[in-house]
Amino acid sequence: MRLLKQLVPVALVALVGSAIVGAVQWSSLLTLLFGVATAVLAVLVYARVVRWSERRAPVEVATRDATRAITRGALIGVALFAAVIVNIALVGGYRIDGLGSVTGAIGLLGFMAAAAVTEELIFRGILFRIVEARTGTWLALAVTGVLFGLSHLFNPHATLWGAIAIAIEAGGMLAAAYAATRTLWVPIGLHFGWNFAAAGIFGTEVSGNGATQGLLHGVTSGPALLTGGEFGPEASPYAVVFGLLLAVVFMWLARRRGNVVPLRRGATATLAR
């Protein structure tokens, strides 16, 4: 019941915000404004329902050091995706074919902010955190990673391999980032930085959602196994490897900081119920 009390209000904000942002995408400024508004409202609603349902302060979204944590995560996300795209380019799978659209990139700032915040609140702030308390960190990481991957199967150009790649490189990595820091700001920044770099900078598809207009007009070509095909570079083996490596680093930090919750006795049976 605690999970539902938190999930339903935040998911409702995400759905309504997504509908509004989708409806105004012809306007970059409106997309930016409504995207940021959706992100802010989602955090406020999350904080309120956590206080109500758990009778505690929502420390994982505390405003102290939030800006630095988001910035740190965003820089990591941009650098990580840049490493992926550079490796794809080195084997001829990506090239820059001129400049893209500044206004398009501005709109993507809002769109990606809304997506990153709402998805992290739902998958890491609610699902991962509550499942972890019942089962332990490792099992929660696996379960929510799979769910995160499956959620991308509804995208227009989704593929089964793309969903599996997302489950490994993003679902695992972002949950590990939360486990290591115990704040949602780092995974939110990481998620935003990765997505904005993909669409807003390099002009590639994000999780099979279709073509985007970023700062650069990027063109992918060659075998889909290498480039990710219509799903985008997130389905590239380079993305899986780099995402998995970063997840390992975060889990090492989590273990070193004593943030790994051990596997609960009877956790599998509990999760099944």
Protein backbone atom coordinates (compact mmCIF):
# COMPACT_ATOMS: atom_id res chain seq x y z
CA MET A 1 0.00 0.00 0.00
CA ARG A 2 2.90 2.36 0.72
CA LEU A 3 4.21 1.74 -2.78
CA LEU A 4 0.83 2.52 -4.33
CA LYS A 5 0.33 5.62 -2.19
CA GLN A 6 3.56 7.04 -3.59
CA LEU A 7 3.48 5.62 -7.10
CA VAL A 8 -0.01 6.74 -8.14
CA PRO A 9 0.35 10.50 -7.41
CA VAL A 10 3.84 10.75 -8.96
CA ALA A 11 2.81 8.69 -12.00
CA LEU A 12 -0.24 10.93 -12.46
CA VAL A 13 1.98 14.04 -12.52
CA ALA A 14 4.28 12.29 -15.00
CA LEU A 15 1.41 11.33 -17.32
CA VAL A 16 -0.27 14.73 -17.29
CA GLY A 17 3.04 16.54 -17.66
CA SER A 18 4.06 14.27 -20.53
CA ALA A 19 0.78 14.92 -22.32
CA ILE A 20 1.14 18.69 -21.97
CA VAL A 21 4.80 18.70 -23.03
CA GLY A 22 3.95 16.51 -26.01
CA ALA A 23 1.14 18.85 -27.01
CA VAL A 24 3.33 21.98 -27.07
CA GLN A 25 6.44 20.59 -28.74
CA TRP A 26 5.91 22.96 -31.67
CA SER A 27 7.09 25.66 -29.26
CA SER A 28 10.59 25.22 -27.82
CA LEU A 29 9.98 27.80 -25.09
CA LEU A 30 6.71 26.22 -23.95
CA THR A 31 8.28 22.77 -24.02
CA LEU A 32 11.10 24.07 -21.82
CA LEU A 33 8.74 25.80 -19.38
CA PHE A 34 6.23 22.96 -19.06
CA GLY A 35 9.00 20.36 -18.89
CA VAL A 36 10.72 22.13 -16.00
CA ALA A 37 7.36 22.75 -14.31
CA THR A 38 6.54 19.03 -14.55
CA ALA A 39 9.90 18.13 -13.02
CA VAL A 40 9.49 20.56 -10.12
CA LEU A 41 5.90 19.53 -9.43
CA ALA A 42 6.84 15.84 -9.49
CA VAL A 43 9.54 16.39 -6.86
CA LEU A 44 7.14 18.36 -4.64
CA VAL A 45 4.46 15.68 -4.93
CA TYR A 46 7.01 12.93 -4.22
CA ALA A 47 8.25 14.76 -1.11
CA ARG A 48 4.68 15.27 0.11
CA VAL A 49 3.57 11.65 -0.34
CA VAL A 50 6.75 10.34 1.34
CA ARG A 51 6.08 12.55 4.35
CA TRP A 52 2.47 11.37 4.42
CA SER A 53 3.00 7.65 3.88
CA GLU A 54 6.30 7.11 5.73
CA ARG A 55 6.16 9.82 8.40
CA ARG A 56 9.71 10.97 7.65
CA ALA A 57 11.58 13.74 5.88
CA PRO A 58 12.29 12.91 2.21
CA VAL A 59 16.06 13.21 2.62
CA GLU A 60 16.70 11.68 -0.81
CA VAL A 61 15.38 14.90 -2.40
CA ALA A 62 16.68 17.34 0.22
CA THR A 63 17.50 20.69 -1.35
CA ARG A 64 20.88 20.99 0.36
CA ASP A 65 23.67 20.43 -2.21
CA ALA A 66 21.03 19.50 -4.81
CA THR A 67 22.50 21.77 -7.47
CA ARG A 68 25.99 20.36 -7.08
CA ALA A 69 24.73 16.79 -7.10
CA ILE A 70 22.63 17.33 -10.23
CA THR A 71 25.52 19.07 -11.97
CA ARG A 72 27.93 16.29 -11.05
CA GLY A 73 25.53 13.66 -12.33
CA ALA A 74 24.81 15.58 -15.54
CA LEU A 75 28.51 15.96 -16.33
CA ILE A 76 29.03 12.24 -15.83
CA GLY A 77 26.05 11.49 -18.08
CA VAL A 78 27.27 13.77 -20.88
CA ALA A 79 30.81 12.39 -20.67
CA LEU A 80 29.54 8.81 -20.68
CA PHE A 81 27.39 9.27 -23.77
CA ALA A 82 30.16 11.21 -25.50
CA ALA A 83 32.46 8.23 -24.92
CA VAL A 84 29.86 5.95 -26.50
CA ILE A 85 29.33 8.15 -29.57
CA VAL A 86 33.07 8.68 -30.07
CA ASN A 87 33.65 4.93 -30.11
CA ILE A 88 30.81 4.43 -32.59
CA ALA A 89 32.24 7.22 -34.76
CA LEU A 90 35.72 5.68 -34.72
CA VAL A 91 34.38 2.57 -36.47
CA GLY A 92 32.35 4.60 -38.96
CA GLY A 93 28.92 4.32 -37.36
CA TYR A 94 28.32 8.02 -36.65
CA ARG A 95 29.17 11.28 -38.36
CA ILE A 96 28.27 14.94 -37.98
CA ASP A 97 26.47 16.31 -41.04
CA GLY A 98 26.37 20.00 -40.15
CA LEU A 99 24.72 21.98 -37.40
CA GLY A 100 21.31 21.20 -36.01
CA SER A 101 18.76 23.40 -34.24
CA VAL A 102 19.43 25.62 -31.23
CA THR A 103 15.70 26.08 -30.59
CA GLY A 104 15.22 22.32 -30.84
CA ALA A 105 17.93 21.79 -28.23
CA ILE A 106 16.27 24.35 -25.93
CA GLY A 107 12.98 22.46 -26.11
CA LEU A 108 14.81 19.21 -25.38
CA LEU A 109 16.15 20.71 -22.15
CA GLY A 110 12.61 20.82 -20.79
CA PHE A 111 11.52 17.53 -22.32
CA MET A 112 14.52 15.64 -20.92
CA ALA A 113 14.25 17.34 -17.52
CA ALA A 114 10.67 16.11 -17.14
CA ALA A 115 11.57 12.60 -18.32
CA ALA A 116 14.66 12.27 -16.12
CA VAL A 117 13.00 13.54 -12.94
CA THR A 118 9.74 11.61 -13.22
CA GLU A 119 11.41 8.35 -14.23
CA GLU A 120 13.97 8.56 -11.43
CA LEU A 121 11.31 9.35 -8.83
CA ILE A 122 9.25 6.36 -9.97
CA PHE A 123 11.93 3.76 -10.63
CA ARG A 124 14.64 4.67 -8.10
CA GLY A 125 12.85 6.87 -5.55
CA ILE A 126 9.82 4.61 -5.15
CA LEU A 127 10.29 1.16 -6.69
CA PHE A 128 13.99 0.58 -6.00
CA ARG A 129 13.95 2.10 -2.52
CA ILE A 130 10.89 0.19 -1.31
CA VAL A 131 11.88 -3.11 -2.92
CA GLU A 132 15.40 -2.72 -1.51
CA ALA A 133 14.02 -2.35 2.02
CA ARG A 134 12.16 -5.65 1.62
CA THR A 135 14.72 -7.70 -0.33
CA GLY A 136 18.17 -6.08 -0.28
CA THR A 137 20.15 -3.93 -2.70
CA TRP A 138 21.24 -6.53 -5.25
CA LEU A 139 17.82 -8.07 -5.81
CA ALA A 140 16.17 -4.65 -5.96
CA LEU A 141 18.74 -3.55 -8.53
CA ALA A 142 17.96 -6.57 -10.72
CA VAL A 143 14.17 -6.31 -10.39
CA THR A 144 13.88 -2.58 -11.03
CA GLY A 145 16.45 -2.77 -13.83
CA VAL A 146 14.28 -5.32 -15.64
CA LEU A 147 11.15 -3.21 -15.08
CA PHE A 148 12.93 -0.12 -16.38
CA GLY A 149 13.98 -1.97 -19.50
CA LEU A 150 10.49 -3.37 -20.07
CA SER A 151 8.97 0.11 -19.80
CA HIS A 152 10.92 1.10 -22.93
CA LEU A 153 9.25 -1.60 -25.02
CA PHE A 154 6.31 0.78 -25.55
CA ASN A 155 8.44 3.30 -27.48
CA PRO A 156 7.82 3.66 -31.25
CA HIS A 157 11.07 2.01 -32.43
CA ALA A 158 11.49 -0.33 -29.47
CA THR A 159 13.29 -3.64 -29.79
CA LEU A 160 13.75 -6.48 -27.35
CA TRP A 161 17.53 -6.03 -27.44
CA GLY A 162 17.10 -2.30 -26.83
CA ALA A 163 15.01 -3.02 -23.73
CA ILE A 164 17.62 -5.49 -22.47
CA ALA A 165 20.38 -2.95 -23.09
CA ILE A 166 18.45 -0.26 -21.20
CA ALA A 167 17.87 -2.66 -18.29
CA ILE A 168 21.61 -3.29 -17.98
CA GLU A 169 23.24 0.03 -18.83
CA ALA A 170 20.63 2.41 -17.41
CA GLY A 171 18.46 0.47 -14.96
CA GLY A 172 21.48 -1.00 -13.21
CA MET A 173 23.67 2.09 -13.47
CA LEU A 174 21.07 4.56 -12.17
CA ALA A 175 20.03 2.33 -9.27
CA ALA A 176 23.71 1.88 -8.39
CA ALA A 177 24.15 5.67 -8.47
CA TYR A 178 21.35 6.03 -5.94
CA ALA A 179 22.76 3.22 -3.77
CA ALA A 180 26.17 4.89 -3.74
CA THR A 181 24.94 8.40 -2.92
CA ARG A 182 21.56 7.85 -1.23
CA THR A 183 20.29 10.93 -3.03
CA LEU A 184 18.10 11.04 -6.12
CA TRP A 185 19.83 14.15 -7.45
CA VAL A 186 22.87 12.29 -8.81
CA PRO A 187 20.85 9.71 -10.81
CA ILE A 188 18.51 12.49 -11.97
CA GLY A 189 21.48 14.50 -13.23
CA LEU A 190 23.08 11.42 -14.77
CA HIS A 191 19.84 10.45 -16.52
CA PHE A 192 19.32 14.00 -17.80
CA GLY A 193 22.92 14.41 -18.96
CA TRP A 194 22.88 11.12 -20.86
CA ASN A 195 19.54 11.81 -22.57
CA PHE A 196 20.33 15.43 -23.43
CA ALA A 197 23.74 14.52 -24.82
CA ALA A 198 22.10 11.87 -27.02
CA ALA A 199 19.33 14.09 -28.38
CA GLY A 200 20.20 17.70 -27.60
CA ILE A 201 23.90 17.59 -28.49
CA PHE A 202 24.62 14.71 -30.85
CA GLY A 203 21.17 14.56 -32.48
CA THR A 204 20.58 10.82 -32.14
CA GLU A 205 17.51 8.84 -31.18
CA VAL A 206 16.84 8.21 -27.50
CA SER A 207 15.40 4.80 -26.62
CA GLY A 208 13.59 4.43 -29.95
CA ASN A 209 11.56 7.62 -29.59
CA GLY A 210 12.24 8.94 -33.08
CA ALA A 211 14.49 11.54 -34.66
CA THR A 212 15.47 14.63 -32.67
CA GLN A 213 16.81 18.10 -33.47
CA GLY A 214 19.85 18.80 -31.33
CA LEU A 215 22.79 21.17 -31.67
CA LEU A 216 24.39 18.83 -34.19
CA HIS A 217 22.87 17.00 -37.13
CA GLY A 218 24.09 13.51 -36.37
CA VAL A 219 23.84 10.63 -38.82
CA THR A 220 24.23 6.99 -37.82
CA SER A 221 24.96 4.32 -40.38
CA GLY A 222 26.21 0.77 -40.54
CA PRO A 223 25.17 -2.43 -38.76
CA ALA A 224 22.39 -2.00 -36.19
CA LEU A 225 24.33 -4.27 -33.85
CA LEU A 226 27.03 -1.60 -33.74
CA THR A 227 25.02 1.63 -33.83
CA GLY A 228 21.84 0.52 -32.07
CA GLY A 229 19.79 0.93 -35.24
CA GLU A 230 16.41 2.67 -34.96
CA PHE A 231 16.48 2.33 -31.17
CA GLY A 232 19.51 4.63 -31.02
CA PRO A 233 23.04 4.33 -29.59
CA GLU A 234 21.67 3.05 -26.27
CA ALA A 235 21.29 -0.32 -28.00
CA SER A 236 24.96 -0.26 -29.01
CA PRO A 237 27.30 -2.68 -27.21
CA TYR A 238 29.48 0.33 -26.37
CA ALA A 239 26.63 1.81 -24.31
CA VAL A 240 26.06 -1.49 -22.52
CA VAL A 241 29.75 -1.89 -21.66
CA PHE A 242 30.27 1.70 -20.48
CA GLY A 243 27.02 1.72 -18.51
CA LEU A 244 27.87 -1.58 -16.87
CA LEU A 245 31.36 -0.37 -15.95
CA LEU A 246 29.95 2.76 -14.31
CA ALA A 247 27.41 0.63 -12.43
CA VAL A 248 30.29 -1.46 -11.07
CA VAL A 249 32.07 1.70 -9.91
CA PHE A 250 28.94 2.98 -8.17
CA MET A 251 28.32 -0.36 -6.47
CA TRP A 252 31.94 -0.42 -5.30
CA LEU A 253 31.37 3.02 -3.77
CA ALA A 254 28.09 1.86 -2.23
CA ARG A 255 29.80 -1.12 -0.64
CA ARG A 256 32.71 0.99 0.58
CA ARG A 257 30.31 3.48 2.17
CA GLY A 258 28.25 0.77 3.82
CA ASN A 259 25.19 1.53 1.69
CA VAL A 260 24.54 -1.99 0.41
CA VAL A 261 21.53 -3.59 2.11
CA PRO A 262 22.16 -7.35 2.46
CA LEU A 263 19.85 -9.92 0.89
CA ARG A 264 16.89 -10.45 3.20
CA ARG A 265 16.03 -13.98 4.27
CA GLY A 266 13.03 -15.13 2.29
CA ALA A 267 13.36 -12.10 -0.01
CA THR A 268 12.35 -14.00 -3.16
CA ALA A 269 9.18 -15.31 -1.55
CA THR A 270 8.39 -11.88 -0.15
CA LEU A 271 8.81 -10.27 -3.56
CA ALA A 272 6.60 -12.90 -5.17
CA ARG A 273 3.81 -12.10 -2.75
